Amino acid sequence: MNGYMHPYWDGHHMFEGWPASLIFGWGMMLLWLIVFFAIGVLVYRDAERRGMNGPLWFILVILPMVGFIFLILYLVLREPGRVQAVPAGDTAMDVLRERYARGEIGEEEFRKREKELERRD
């Protein structure tokens, strides 16, 4: 014993043993890693929808020690009104009209395929 200090009060022996070291050592580190990775994925998706560089922001957010700073920076810098709508899926008729408008197919081909698509519906 060192003076009046009991060994269990000095902080070194408070959490000894296998379960405690797992929970307070590697377990906590793994938990924080998972949390930062999940936040990174959310930031990546949000950045991609806003037309920003998703992979860059993902990497910056999951960096140890400074990721939290970059997360706050991202939330401040992102443009709130610029979310790009993700198309729900073009119908075959929409794709056909698009190809015709771009000049990929002629009017005759367009009319022929249009009739085929109308018969399917």
PDB file of N, CA and C in Angstrom:
ATOM      1  N   MET A   1       0.828  -1.184   0.000  1.00  0.00           N
ATOM      2  CA  MET A   1       0.000   0.000   0.000  1.00  0.00           C
ATOM      3  C   MET A   1       0.871   1.245   0.000  1.00  0.00           C
ATOM      4  N   ASN A   2       0.435   2.208  -0.761  1.00  0.00           N
ATOM      5  CA  ASN A   2       1.156   3.458  -0.873  1.00  0.00           C
ATOM      6  C   ASN A   2       0.422   4.518  -0.049  1.00  0.00           C
ATOM      7  N   GLY A   3       0.879   4.818   1.123  1.00  0.00           N
ATOM      8  CA  GLY A   3       0.224   5.810   1.965  1.00  0.00           C
ATOM      9  C   GLY A   3      -1.137   5.314   2.411  1.00  0.00           C
ATOM     10  N   TYR A   4      -2.129   6.182   2.246  1.00  0.00           N
ATOM     11  CA  TYR A   4      -3.487   5.822   2.640  1.00  0.00           C
ATOM     12  C   TYR A   4      -4.284   5.207   1.500  1.00  0.00           C
ATOM     13  N   MET A   5      -3.723   5.122   0.300  1.00  0.00           N
ATOM     14  CA  MET A   5      -4.459   4.615  -0.865  1.00  0.00           C
ATOM     15  C   MET A   5      -4.539   3.096  -0.854  1.00  0.00           C
ATOM     16  N   HIS A   6      -5.711   2.615  -1.004  1.00  0.00           N
ATOM     17  CA  HIS A   6      -5.908   1.178  -1.169  1.00  0.00           C
ATOM     18  C   HIS A   6      -5.728   0.868  -2.651  1.00  0.00           C
ATOM     19  N   PRO A   7      -5.143  -0.281  -3.026  1.00  0.00           N
ATOM     20  CA  PRO A   7      -4.867  -0.563  -4.442  1.00  0.00           C
ATOM     21  C   PRO A   7      -6.101  -0.540  -5.338  1.00  0.00           C
ATOM     22  N   TYR A   8      -7.254  -0.851  -4.791  1.00  0.00           N
ATOM     23  CA  TYR A   8      -8.458  -0.858  -5.622  1.00  0.00           C
ATOM     24  C   TYR A   8      -9.019   0.527  -5.874  1.00  0.00           C
ATOM     25  N   TRP A   9      -8.531   1.529  -5.215  1.00  0.00           N
ATOM     26  CA  TRP A   9      -9.012   2.884  -5.420  1.00  0.00           C
ATOM     27  C   TRP A   9      -8.127   3.695  -6.341  1.00  0.00           C
ATOM     28  N   ASP A  10      -7.014   3.150  -6.763  1.00  0.00           N
ATOM     29  CA  ASP A  10      -6.119   3.928  -7.627  1.00  0.00           C
ATOM     30  C   ASP A  10      -6.497   3.840  -9.102  1.00  0.00           C
ATOM     31  N   GLY A  11      -7.530   3.093  -9.436  1.00  0.00           N
ATOM     32  CA  GLY A  11      -8.010   3.034 -10.815  1.00  0.00           C
ATOM     33  C   GLY A  11      -7.428   1.917 -11.627  1.00  0.00           C
ATOM     34  N   HIS A  12      -6.331   1.329 -11.198  1.00  0.00           N
ATOM     35  CA  HIS A  12      -5.698   0.272 -11.975  1.00  0.00           C
ATOM     36  C   HIS A  12      -6.363  -1.087 -11.780  1.00  0.00           C
ATOM     37  N   HIS A  13      -6.923  -1.304 -10.630  1.00  0.00           N
ATOM     38  CA  HIS A  13      -7.498  -2.611 -10.330  1.00  0.00           C
ATOM     39  C   HIS A  13      -9.016  -2.582 -10.304  1.00  0.00           C
ATOM     40  N   MET A  14      -9.578  -1.458 -10.612  1.00  0.00           N
ATOM     41  CA  MET A  14     -11.019  -1.316 -10.510  1.00  0.00           C
ATOM     42  C   MET A  14     -11.756  -2.269 -11.462  1.00  0.00           C
ATOM     43  N   PHE A  15     -11.299  -2.375 -12.700  1.00  0.00           N
ATOM     44  CA  PHE A  15     -11.958  -3.220 -13.688  1.00  0.00           C
ATOM     45  C   PHE A  15     -10.980  -4.272 -14.185  1.00  0.00           C
ATOM     46  N   GLU A  16     -10.706  -5.234 -13.398  1.00  0.00           N
ATOM     47  CA  GLU A  16      -9.795  -6.292 -13.798  1.00  0.00           C
ATOM     48  C   GLU A  16     -10.581  -7.499 -14.262  1.00  0.00           C
ATOM     49  N   GLY A  17      -9.926  -8.321 -15.049  1.00  0.00           N
ATOM     50  CA  GLY A  17     -10.544  -9.570 -15.462  1.00  0.00           C
ATOM     51  C   GLY A  17     -10.971  -9.538 -16.913  1.00  0.00           C
ATOM     52  N   TRP A  18     -11.328 -10.725 -17.406  1.00  0.00           N
ATOM     53  CA  TRP A  18     -11.662 -10.875 -18.818  1.00  0.00           C
ATOM     54  C   TRP A  18     -12.897 -10.103 -19.247  1.00  0.00           C
ATOM     55  N   PRO A  19     -14.049 -10.201 -18.589  1.00  0.00           N
ATOM     56  CA  PRO A  19     -15.227  -9.484 -19.103  1.00  0.00           C
ATOM     57  C   PRO A  19     -15.063  -7.978 -19.048  1.00  0.00           C
ATOM     58  N   ALA A  20     -14.470  -7.492 -17.977  1.00  0.00           N
ATOM     59  CA  ALA A  20     -14.325  -6.043 -17.844  1.00  0.00           C
ATOM     60  C   ALA A  20     -13.365  -5.485 -18.877  1.00  0.00           C
ATOM     61  N   SER A  21     -12.284  -6.204 -19.145  1.00  0.00           N
ATOM     62  CA  SER A  21     -11.329  -5.693 -20.130  1.00  0.00           C
ATOM     63  C   SER A  21     -11.941  -5.710 -21.531  1.00  0.00           C
ATOM     64  N   LEU A  22     -12.809  -6.676 -21.788  1.00  0.00           N
ATOM     65  CA  LEU A  22     -13.472  -6.723 -23.090  1.00  0.00           C
ATOM     66  C   LEU A  22     -14.457  -5.572 -23.237  1.00  0.00           C
ATOM     67  N   ILE A  23     -15.228  -5.333 -22.191  1.00  0.00           N
ATOM     68  CA  ILE A  23     -16.248  -4.281 -22.251  1.00  0.00           C
ATOM     69  C   ILE A  23     -15.609  -2.905 -22.294  1.00  0.00           C
ATOM     70  N   PHE A  24     -14.637  -2.662 -21.432  1.00  0.00           N
ATOM     71  CA  PHE A  24     -14.066  -1.323 -21.323  1.00  0.00           C
ATOM     72  C   PHE A  24     -12.839  -1.110 -22.189  1.00  0.00           C
ATOM     73  N   GLY A  25     -12.329  -2.137 -22.797  1.00  0.00           N
ATOM     74  CA  GLY A  25     -11.138  -2.002 -23.642  1.00  0.00           C
ATOM     75  C   GLY A  25     -11.500  -2.118 -25.106  1.00  0.00           C
ATOM     76  N   TRP A  26     -11.333  -3.312 -25.634  1.00  0.00           N
ATOM     77  CA  TRP A  26     -11.587  -3.555 -27.059  1.00  0.00           C
ATOM     78  C   TRP A  26     -13.054  -3.370 -27.421  1.00  0.00           C
ATOM     79  N   GLY A  27     -13.928  -3.708 -26.508  1.00  0.00           N
ATOM     80  CA  GLY A  27     -15.359  -3.583 -26.785  1.00  0.00           C
ATOM     81  C   GLY A  27     -15.776  -2.150 -27.053  1.00  0.00           C
ATOM     82  N   MET A  28     -15.291  -1.236 -26.224  1.00  0.00           N
ATOM     83  CA  MET A  28     -15.628   0.185 -26.426  1.00  0.00           C
ATOM     84  C   MET A  28     -15.007   0.725 -27.703  1.00  0.00           C
ATOM     85  N   MET A  29     -13.798   0.289 -27.983  1.00  0.00           N
ATOM     86  CA  MET A  29     -13.149   0.735 -29.209  1.00  0.00           C
ATOM     87  C   MET A  29     -13.934   0.246 -30.433  1.00  0.00           C
ATOM     88  N   LEU A  30     -14.376  -1.000 -30.402  1.00  0.00           N
ATOM     89  CA  LEU A  30     -15.155  -1.560 -31.501  1.00  0.00           C
ATOM     90  C   LEU A  30     -16.496  -0.852 -31.633  1.00  0.00           C
ATOM     91  N   LEU A  31     -17.125  -0.561 -30.510  1.00  0.00           N
ATOM     92  CA  LEU A  31     -18.403   0.152 -30.534  1.00  0.00           C
ATOM     93  C   LEU A  31     -18.257   1.518 -31.193  1.00  0.00           C
ATOM     94  N   TRP A  32     -17.229   2.272 -30.805  1.00  0.00           N
ATOM     95  CA  TRP A  32     -17.016   3.592 -31.400  1.00  0.00           C
ATOM     96  C   TRP A  32     -16.662   3.496 -32.883  1.00  0.00           C
ATOM     97  N   LEU A  33     -15.923   2.470 -33.252  1.00  0.00           N
ATOM     98  CA  LEU A  33     -15.597   2.262 -34.661  1.00  0.00           C
ATOM     99  C   LEU A  33     -16.861   2.022 -35.476  1.00  0.00           C
ATOM    100  N   ILE A  34     -17.756   1.219 -34.950  1.00  0.00           N
ATOM    101  CA  ILE A  34     -19.022   0.946 -35.636  1.00  0.00           C
ATOM    102  C   ILE A  34     -19.868   2.207 -35.732  1.00  0.00           C
ATOM    103  N   VAL A  35     -19.916   2.985 -34.663  1.00  0.00           N
ATOM    104  CA  VAL A  35     -20.694   4.230 -34.670  1.00  0.00           C
ATOM    105  C   VAL A  35     -20.144   5.198 -35.715  1.00  0.00           C
ATOM    106  N   PHE A  36     -18.826   5.393 -35.740  1.00  0.00           N
ATOM    107  CA  PHE A  36     -18.247   6.318 -36.716  1.00  0.00           C
ATOM    108  C   PHE A  36     -18.410   5.805 -38.145  1.00  0.00           C
ATOM    109  N   PHE A  37     -18.337   4.495 -38.341  1.00  0.00           N
ATOM    110  CA  PHE A  37     -18.539   3.936 -39.677  1.00  0.00           C
ATOM    111  C   PHE A  37     -19.983   4.157 -40.129  1.00  0.00           C
ATOM    112  N   ALA A  38     -20.950   3.964 -39.237  1.00  0.00           N
ATOM    113  CA  ALA A  38     -22.360   4.190 -39.576  1.00  0.00           C
ATOM    114  C   ALA A  38     -22.603   5.655 -39.915  1.00  0.00           C
ATOM    115  N   ILE A  39     -22.022   6.559 -39.143  1.00  0.00           N
ATOM    116  CA  ILE A  39     -22.159   7.987 -39.436  1.00  0.00           C
ATOM    117  C   ILE A  39     -21.515   8.299 -40.782  1.00  0.00           C
ATOM    118  N   GLY A  40     -20.363   7.680 -41.069  1.00  0.00           N
ATOM    119  CA  GLY A  40     -19.701   7.879 -42.356  1.00  0.00           C
ATOM    120  C   GLY A  40     -20.561   7.438 -43.523  1.00  0.00           C
ATOM    121  N   VAL A  41     -21.251   6.310 -43.369  1.00  0.00           N
ATOM    122  CA  VAL A  41     -22.139   5.820 -44.435  1.00  0.00           C
ATOM    123  C   VAL A  41     -23.293   6.787 -44.645  1.00  0.00           C
ATOM    124  N   LEU A  42     -23.871   7.290 -43.572  1.00  0.00           N
ATOM    125  CA  LEU A  42     -24.968   8.255 -43.696  1.00  0.00           C
ATOM    126  C   LEU A  42     -24.502   9.539 -44.378  1.00  0.00           C
ATOM    127  N   VAL A  43     -23.323  10.012 -44.014  1.00  0.00           N
ATOM    128  CA  VAL A  43     -22.778  11.224 -44.644  1.00  0.00           C
ATOM    129  C   VAL A  43     -22.484  10.956 -46.117  1.00  0.00           C
ATOM    130  N   TYR A  44     -21.949   9.776 -46.437  1.00  0.00           N
ATOM    131  CA  TYR A  44     -21.668   9.410 -47.834  1.00  0.00           C
ATOM    132  C   TYR A  44     -22.950   9.463 -48.663  1.00  0.00           C
ATOM    133  N   ARG A  45     -24.012   8.833 -48.177  1.00  0.00           N
ATOM    134  CA  ARG A  45     -25.284   8.819 -48.922  1.00  0.00           C
ATOM    135  C   ARG A  45     -25.846  10.220 -49.092  1.00  0.00           C
ATOM    136  N   ASP A  46     -25.798  11.006 -48.032  1.00  0.00           N
ATOM    137  CA  ASP A  46     -26.324  12.362 -48.096  1.00  0.00           C
ATOM    138  C   ASP A  46     -25.516  13.209 -49.073  1.00  0.00           C
ATOM    139  N   ALA A  47     -24.203  13.078 -49.039  1.00  0.00           N
ATOM    140  CA  ALA A  47     -23.346  13.856 -49.939  1.00  0.00           C
ATOM    141  C   ALA A  47     -23.595  13.468 -51.391  1.00  0.00           C
ATOM    142  N   GLU A  48     -23.764  12.184 -51.664  1.00  0.00           N
ATOM    143  CA  GLU A  48     -24.029  11.739 -53.036  1.00  0.00           C
ATOM    144  C   GLU A  48     -25.357  12.299 -53.547  1.00  0.00           C
ATOM    145  N   ARG A  49     -26.387  12.312 -52.697  1.00  0.00           N
ATOM    146  CA  ARG A  49     -27.686  12.859 -53.112  1.00  0.00           C
ATOM    147  C   ARG A  49     -27.617  14.351 -53.377  1.00  0.00           C
ATOM    148  N   ARG A  50     -26.689  15.022 -52.738  1.00  0.00           N
ATOM    149  CA  ARG A  50     -26.568  16.471 -52.909  1.00  0.00           C
ATOM    150  C   ARG A  50     -25.564  16.848 -53.992  1.00  0.00           C
ATOM    151  N   GLY A  51     -25.018  15.854 -54.683  1.00  0.00           N
ATOM    152  CA  GLY A  51     -24.082  16.134 -55.755  1.00  0.00           C
ATOM    153  C   GLY A  51     -22.693  16.478 -55.251  1.00  0.00           C
ATOM    154  N   MET A  52     -22.393  16.130 -54.005  1.00  0.00           N
ATOM    155  CA  MET A  52     -21.073  16.399 -53.432  1.00  0.00           C
ATOM    156  C   MET A  52     -20.229  15.130 -53.529  1.00  0.00           C
ATOM    157  N   ASN A  53     -18.971  15.209 -53.157  1.00  0.00           N
ATOM    158  CA  ASN A  53     -18.058  14.086 -53.241  1.00  0.00           C
ATOM    159  C   ASN A  53     -18.249  13.166 -52.035  1.00  0.00           C
ATOM    160  N   GLY A  54     -19.076  12.126 -52.197  1.00  0.00           N
ATOM    161  CA  GLY A  54     -19.396  11.213 -51.109  1.00  0.00           C
ATOM    162  C   GLY A  54     -18.211  10.473 -50.536  1.00  0.00           C
ATOM    163  N   PRO A  55     -17.355   9.849 -51.384  1.00  0.00           N
ATOM    164  CA  PRO A  55     -16.212   9.119 -50.824  1.00  0.00           C
ATOM    165  C   PRO A  55     -15.264  10.004 -49.997  1.00  0.00           C
ATOM    166  N   LEU A  56     -15.044  11.219 -50.450  1.00  0.00           N
ATOM    167  CA  LEU A  56     -14.175  12.128 -49.703  1.00  0.00           C
ATOM    168  C   LEU A  56     -14.744  12.412 -48.318  1.00  0.00           C
ATOM    169  N   TRP A  57     -16.026  12.757 -48.256  1.00  0.00           N
ATOM    170  CA  TRP A  57     -16.635  13.068 -46.966  1.00  0.00           C
ATOM    171  C   TRP A  57     -16.698  11.834 -46.076  1.00  0.00           C
ATOM    172  N   PHE A  58     -16.906  10.652 -46.649  1.00  0.00           N
ATOM    173  CA  PHE A  58     -16.893   9.423 -45.861  1.00  0.00           C
ATOM    174  C   PHE A  58     -15.547   9.237 -45.178  1.00  0.00           C
ATOM    175  N   ILE A  59     -14.479   9.375 -45.948  1.00  0.00           N
ATOM    176  CA  ILE A  59     -13.129   9.194 -45.407  1.00  0.00           C
ATOM    177  C   ILE A  59     -12.833  10.243 -44.336  1.00  0.00           C
ATOM    178  N   LEU A  60     -13.206  11.488 -44.593  1.00  0.00           N
ATOM    179  CA  LEU A  60     -12.927  12.546 -43.629  1.00  0.00           C
ATOM    180  C   LEU A  60     -13.681  12.335 -42.320  1.00  0.00           C
ATOM    181  N   VAL A  61     -14.914  11.838 -42.404  1.00  0.00           N
ATOM    182  CA  VAL A  61     -15.727  11.662 -41.204  1.00  0.00           C
ATOM    183  C   VAL A  61     -15.240  10.496 -40.352  1.00  0.00           C
ATOM    184  N   ILE A  62     -14.711   9.436 -40.963  1.00  0.00           N
ATOM    185  CA  ILE A  62     -14.293   8.278 -40.168  1.00  0.00           C
ATOM    186  C   ILE A  62     -12.842   8.350 -39.700  1.00  0.00           C
ATOM    187  N   LEU A  63     -12.129   9.418 -40.050  1.00  0.00           N
ATOM    188  CA  LEU A  63     -10.746   9.560 -39.579  1.00  0.00           C
ATOM    189  C   LEU A  63     -10.717   9.624 -38.051  1.00  0.00           C
ATOM    190  N   PRO A  64      -9.809   8.885 -37.442  1.00  0.00           N
ATOM    191  CA  PRO A  64      -9.722   8.940 -35.972  1.00  0.00           C
ATOM    192  C   PRO A  64      -9.342  10.333 -35.497  1.00  0.00           C
ATOM    193  N   MET A  65      -9.926  10.728 -34.422  1.00  0.00           N
ATOM    194  CA  MET A  65      -9.626  11.963 -33.691  1.00  0.00           C
ATOM    195  C   MET A  65     -10.155  13.231 -34.379  1.00  0.00           C
ATOM    196  N   VAL A  66     -10.207  13.307 -35.683  1.00  0.00           N
ATOM    197  CA  VAL A  66     -10.666  14.531 -36.350  1.00  0.00           C
ATOM    198  C   VAL A  66     -11.970  14.324 -37.107  1.00  0.00           C
ATOM    199  N   GLY A  67     -12.480  13.106 -37.114  1.00  0.00           N
ATOM    200  CA  GLY A  67     -13.707  12.812 -37.841  1.00  0.00           C
ATOM    201  C   GLY A  67     -14.885  13.628 -37.352  1.00  0.00           C
ATOM    202  N   PHE A  68     -14.966  13.842 -36.050  1.00  0.00           N
ATOM    203  CA  PHE A  68     -16.054  14.627 -35.483  1.00  0.00           C
ATOM    204  C   PHE A  68     -16.010  16.065 -35.984  1.00  0.00           C
ATOM    205  N   ILE A  69     -14.825  16.611 -36.111  1.00  0.00           N
ATOM    206  CA  ILE A  69     -14.660  17.978 -36.619  1.00  0.00           C
ATOM    207  C   ILE A  69     -15.133  18.052 -38.069  1.00  0.00           C
ATOM    208  N   PHE A  70     -14.747  17.048 -38.889  1.00  0.00           N
ATOM    209  CA  PHE A  70     -15.180  17.038 -40.285  1.00  0.00           C
ATOM    210  C   PHE A  70     -16.681  16.796 -40.415  1.00  0.00           C
ATOM    211  N   LEU A  71     -17.275  16.043 -39.483  1.00  0.00           N
ATOM    212  CA  LEU A  71     -18.726  15.851 -39.498  1.00  0.00           C
ATOM    213  C   LEU A  71     -19.432  17.180 -39.289  1.00  0.00           C
ATOM    214  N   ILE A  72     -18.986  17.942 -38.325  1.00  0.00           N
ATOM    215  CA  ILE A  72     -19.573  19.266 -38.087  1.00  0.00           C
ATOM    216  C   ILE A  72     -19.338  20.173 -39.290  1.00  0.00           C
ATOM    217  N   LEU A  73     -18.144  20.118 -39.850  1.00  0.00           N
ATOM    218  CA  LEU A  73     -17.829  20.916 -41.030  1.00  0.00           C
ATOM    219  C   LEU A  73     -18.746  20.547 -42.199  1.00  0.00           C
ATOM    220  N   TYR A  74     -18.988  19.255 -42.386  1.00  0.00           N
ATOM    221  CA  TYR A  74     -19.884  18.808 -43.462  1.00  0.00           C
ATOM    222  C   TYR A  74     -21.294  19.340 -43.242  1.00  0.00           C
ATOM    223  N   LEU A  75     -21.782  19.224 -42.025  1.00  0.00           N
ATOM    224  CA  LEU A  75     -23.138  19.689 -41.738  1.00  0.00           C
ATOM    225  C   LEU A  75     -23.283  21.188 -41.964  1.00  0.00           C
ATOM    226  N   VAL A  76     -22.213  21.933 -41.754  1.00  0.00           N
ATOM    227  CA  VAL A  76     -22.253  23.382 -41.979  1.00  0.00           C
ATOM    228  C   VAL A  76     -22.150  23.708 -43.473  1.00  0.00           C
ATOM    229  N   LEU A  77     -21.298  22.982 -44.199  1.00  0.00           N
ATOM    230  CA  LEU A  77     -21.032  23.315 -45.601  1.00  0.00           C
ATOM    231  C   LEU A  77     -22.038  22.765 -46.607  1.00  0.00           C
ATOM    232  N   ARG A  78     -22.759  21.729 -46.245  1.00  0.00           N
ATOM    233  CA  ARG A  78     -23.664  21.132 -47.236  1.00  0.00           C
ATOM    234  C   ARG A  78     -24.775  22.099 -47.591  1.00  0.00           C
ATOM    235  N   GLU A  79     -25.238  21.969 -48.804  1.00  0.00           N
ATOM    236  CA  GLU A  79     -26.283  22.858 -49.286  1.00  0.00           C
ATOM    237  C   GLU A  79     -27.631  22.201 -49.041  1.00  0.00           C
ATOM    238  N   PRO A  80     -28.450  22.781 -48.172  1.00  0.00           N
ATOM    239  CA  PRO A  80     -29.680  22.118 -47.756  1.00  0.00           C
ATOM    240  C   PRO A  80     -30.717  21.942 -48.851  1.00  0.00           C
ATOM    241  N   GLY A  81     -30.816  22.847 -49.794  1.00  0.00           N
ATOM    242  CA  GLY A  81     -31.871  22.765 -50.786  1.00  0.00           C
ATOM    243  C   GLY A  81     -31.503  22.042 -52.053  1.00  0.00           C
ATOM    244  N   ARG A  82     -30.346  21.401 -52.104  1.00  0.00           N
ATOM    245  CA  ARG A  82     -29.841  20.859 -53.351  1.00  0.00           C
ATOM    246  C   ARG A  82     -29.929  19.340 -53.437  1.00  0.00           C
ATOM    247  N   VAL A  83     -30.889  18.731 -52.776  1.00  0.00           N
ATOM    248  CA  VAL A  83     -31.013  17.279 -52.816  1.00  0.00           C
ATOM    249  C   VAL A  83     -31.520  16.883 -54.193  1.00  0.00           C
ATOM    250  N   GLN A  84     -30.786  16.005 -54.858  1.00  0.00           N
ATOM    251  CA  GLN A  84     -31.190  15.552 -56.178  1.00  0.00           C
ATOM    252  C   GLN A  84     -32.162  14.396 -56.044  1.00  0.00           C
ATOM    253  N   ALA A  85     -33.252  14.482 -56.754  1.00  0.00           N
ATOM    254  CA  ALA A  85     -34.245  13.422 -56.711  1.00  0.00           C
ATOM    255  C   ALA A  85     -33.695  12.176 -57.395  1.00  0.00           C
ATOM    256  N   VAL A  86     -33.862  11.070 -56.745  1.00  0.00           N
ATOM    257  CA  VAL A  86     -33.427   9.806 -57.320  1.00  0.00           C
ATOM    258  C   VAL A  86     -34.597   9.249 -58.113  1.00  0.00           C
ATOM    259  N   PRO A  87     -34.423   8.997 -59.412  1.00  0.00           N
ATOM    260  CA  PRO A  87     -35.554   8.505 -60.197  1.00  0.00           C
ATOM    261  C   PRO A  87     -36.010   7.144 -59.688  1.00  0.00           C
ATOM    262  N   ALA A  88     -37.337   6.986 -59.631  1.00  0.00           N
ATOM    263  CA  ALA A  88     -37.911   5.745 -59.129  1.00  0.00           C
ATOM    264  C   ALA A  88     -37.730   4.615 -60.127  1.00  0.00           C
ATOM    265  N   GLY A  89     -37.375   4.926 -61.325  1.00  0.00           N
ATOM    266  CA  GLY A  89     -37.197   3.910 -62.360  1.00  0.00           C
ATOM    267  C   GLY A  89     -37.983   4.330 -63.597  1.00  0.00           C
ATOM    268  N   ASP A  90     -37.277   4.458 -64.695  1.00  0.00           N
ATOM    269  CA  ASP A  90     -37.935   4.874 -65.929  1.00  0.00           C
ATOM    270  C   ASP A  90     -38.741   3.720 -66.495  1.00  0.00           C
ATOM    271  N   THR A  91     -39.885   4.074 -67.042  1.00  0.00           N
ATOM    272  CA  THR A  91     -40.655   3.068 -67.742  1.00  0.00           C
ATOM    273  C   THR A  91     -40.034   2.882 -69.126  1.00  0.00           C
ATOM    274  N   ALA A  92     -40.411   1.806 -69.784  1.00  0.00           N
ATOM    275  CA  ALA A  92     -39.881   1.539 -71.117  1.00  0.00           C
ATOM    276  C   ALA A  92     -40.264   2.665 -72.082  1.00  0.00           C
ATOM    277  N   MET A  93     -41.463   3.210 -71.912  1.00  0.00           N
ATOM    278  CA  MET A  93     -41.916   4.292 -72.792  1.00  0.00           C
ATOM    279  C   MET A  93     -41.071   5.540 -72.577  1.00  0.00           C
ATOM    280  N   ASP A  94     -40.700   5.828 -71.335  1.00  0.00           N
ATOM    281  CA  ASP A  94     -39.844   6.992 -71.058  1.00  0.00           C
ATOM    282  C   ASP A  94     -38.484   6.831 -71.725  1.00  0.00           C
ATOM    283  N   VAL A  95     -37.930   5.625 -71.645  1.00  0.00           N
ATOM    284  CA  VAL A  95     -36.631   5.363 -72.262  1.00  0.00           C
ATOM    285  C   VAL A  95     -36.745   5.500 -73.783  1.00  0.00           C
ATOM    286  N   LEU A  96     -37.819   5.001 -74.343  1.00  0.00           N
ATOM    287  CA  LEU A  96     -38.026   5.100 -75.794  1.00  0.00           C
ATOM    288  C   LEU A  96     -38.124   6.565 -76.221  1.00  0.00           C
ATOM    289  N   ARG A  97     -38.893   7.356 -75.491  1.00  0.00           N
ATOM    290  CA  ARG A  97     -39.020   8.790 -75.819  1.00  0.00           C
ATOM    291  C   ARG A  97     -37.676   9.503 -75.708  1.00  0.00           C
ATOM    292  N   GLU A  98     -36.912   9.131 -74.686  1.00  0.00           N
ATOM    293  CA  GLU A  98     -35.593   9.736 -74.504  1.00  0.00           C
ATOM    294  C   GLU A  98     -34.667   9.417 -75.678  1.00  0.00           C
ATOM    295  N   ARG A  99     -34.660   8.164 -76.106  1.00  0.00           N
ATOM    296  CA  ARG A  99     -33.810   7.762 -77.234  1.00  0.00           C
ATOM    297  C   ARG A  99     -34.226   8.472 -78.523  1.00  0.00           C
ATOM    298  N   TYR A 100     -35.530   8.642 -78.697  1.00  0.00           N
ATOM    299  CA  TYR A 100     -36.028   9.341 -79.879  1.00  0.00           C
ATOM    300  C   TYR A 100     -35.620  10.828 -79.826  1.00  0.00           C
ATOM    301  N   ALA A 101     -35.742  11.415 -78.641  1.00  0.00           N
ATOM    302  CA  ALA A 101     -35.386  12.834 -78.486  1.00  0.00           C
ATOM    303  C   ALA A 101     -33.897  13.069 -78.718  1.00  0.00           C
ATOM    304  N   ARG A 102     -33.054  12.112 -78.345  1.00  0.00           N
ATOM    305  CA  ARG A 102     -31.621  12.255 -78.562  1.00  0.00           C
ATOM    306  C   ARG A 102     -31.211  11.932 -79.995  1.00  0.00           C
ATOM    307  N   GLY A 103     -32.126  11.397 -80.779  1.00  0.00           N
ATOM    308  CA  GLY A 103     -31.814  11.064 -82.160  1.00  0.00           C
ATOM    309  C   GLY A 103     -31.181   9.694 -82.337  1.00  0.00           C
ATOM    310  N   GLU A 104     -31.248   8.858 -81.325  1.00  0.00           N
ATOM    311  CA  GLU A 104     -30.682   7.519 -81.423  1.00  0.00           C
ATOM    312  C   GLU A 104     -31.514   6.616 -82.334  1.00  0.00           C
ATOM    313  N   ILE A 105     -32.811   6.873 -82.369  1.00  0.00           N
ATOM    314  CA  ILE A 105     -33.696   6.108 -83.264  1.00  0.00           C
ATOM    315  C   ILE A 105     -34.539   7.084 -84.069  1.00  0.00           C
ATOM    316  N   GLY A 106     -34.959   6.639 -85.226  1.00  0.00           N
ATOM    317  CA  GLY A 106     -35.773   7.485 -86.100  1.00  0.00           C
ATOM    318  C   GLY A 106     -37.245   7.396 -85.736  1.00  0.00           C
ATOM    319  N   GLU A 107     -38.054   8.204 -86.456  1.00  0.00           N
ATOM    320  CA  GLU A 107     -39.488   8.256 -86.169  1.00  0.00           C
ATOM    321  C   GLU A 107     -40.165   6.918 -86.455  1.00  0.00           C
ATOM    322  N   GLU A 108     -39.776   6.270 -87.545  1.00  0.00           N
ATOM    323  CA  GLU A 108     -40.384   4.990 -87.908  1.00  0.00           C
ATOM    324  C   GLU A 108     -40.134   3.934 -86.819  1.00  0.00           C
ATOM    325  N   GLU A 109     -38.881   3.873 -86.358  1.00  0.00           N
ATOM    326  CA  GLU A 109     -38.521   2.926 -85.287  1.00  0.00           C
ATOM    327  C   GLU A 109     -39.267   3.273 -83.995  1.00  0.00           C
ATOM    328  N   PHE A 110     -39.371   4.587 -83.717  1.00  0.00           N
ATOM    329  CA  PHE A 110     -40.071   5.034 -82.525  1.00  0.00           C
ATOM    330  C   PHE A 110     -41.534   4.591 -82.558  1.00  0.00           C
ATOM    331  N   ARG A 111     -42.226   4.808 -83.676  1.00  0.00           N
ATOM    332  CA  ARG A 111     -43.654   4.439 -83.803  1.00  0.00           C
ATOM    333  C   ARG A 111     -43.840   2.927 -83.678  1.00  0.00           C
ATOM    334  N   LYS A 112     -42.944   2.171 -84.289  1.00  0.00           N
ATOM    335  CA  LYS A 112     -43.032   0.705 -84.238  1.00  0.00           C
ATOM    336  C   LYS A 112     -42.908   0.208 -82.791  1.00  0.00           C
ATOM    337  N   ARG A 113     -41.907   0.693 -82.086  1.00  0.00           N
ATOM    338  CA  ARG A 113     -41.699   0.252 -80.705  1.00  0.00           C
ATOM    339  C   ARG A 113     -42.774   0.790 -79.772  1.00  0.00           C
ATOM    340  N   GLU A 114     -43.281   1.969 -80.076  1.00  0.00           N
ATOM    341  CA  GLU A 114     -44.357   2.538 -79.269  1.00  0.00           C
ATOM    342  C   GLU A 114     -45.594   1.641 -79.325  1.00  0.00           C
ATOM    343  N   LYS A 115     -45.924   1.175 -80.536  1.00  0.00           N
ATOM    344  CA  LYS A 115     -47.065   0.271 -80.696  1.00  0.00           C
ATOM    345  C   LYS A 115     -46.844  -1.032 -79.953  1.00  0.00           C
ATOM    346  N   GLU A 116     -45.616  -1.554 -80.005  1.00  0.00           N
ATOM    347  CA  GLU A 116     -45.303  -2.803 -79.292  1.00  0.00           C
ATOM    348  C   GLU A 116     -45.481  -2.628 -77.794  1.00  0.00           C
ATOM    349  N   LEU A 117     -45.037  -1.512 -77.285  1.00  0.00           N
ATOM    350  CA  LEU A 117     -45.157  -1.268 -75.853  1.00  0.00           C
ATOM    351  C   LEU A 117     -46.618  -1.076 -75.438  1.00  0.00           C
ATOM    352  N   GLU A 118     -47.417  -0.444 -76.291  1.00  0.00           N
ATOM    353  CA  GLU A 118     -48.840  -0.248 -75.976  1.00  0.00           C
ATOM    354  C   GLU A 118     -49.567  -1.594 -75.962  1.00  0.00           C
ATOM    355  N   ARG A 119     -49.155  -2.517 -76.815  1.00  0.00           N
ATOM    356  CA  ARG A 119     -49.781  -3.852 -76.823  1.00  0.00           C
ATOM    357  C   ARG A 119     -49.470  -4.627 -75.549  1.00  0.00           C
ATOM    358  N   ARG A 120     -48.304  -4.413 -74.984  1.00  0.00           N
ATOM    359  CA  ARG A 120     -47.908  -5.126 -73.756  1.00  0.00           C
ATOM    360  C   ARG A 120     -48.727  -4.680 -72.552  1.00  0.00           C
ATOM    361  N   ASP A 121     -49.117  -3.418 -72.541  1.00  0.00           N
ATOM    362  CA  ASP A 121     -49.847  -2.886 -71.365  1.00  0.00           C
ATOM    363  C   ASP A 121     -51.248  -3.356 -71.285  1.00  0.00           C
TER     364      ASP A 121
END
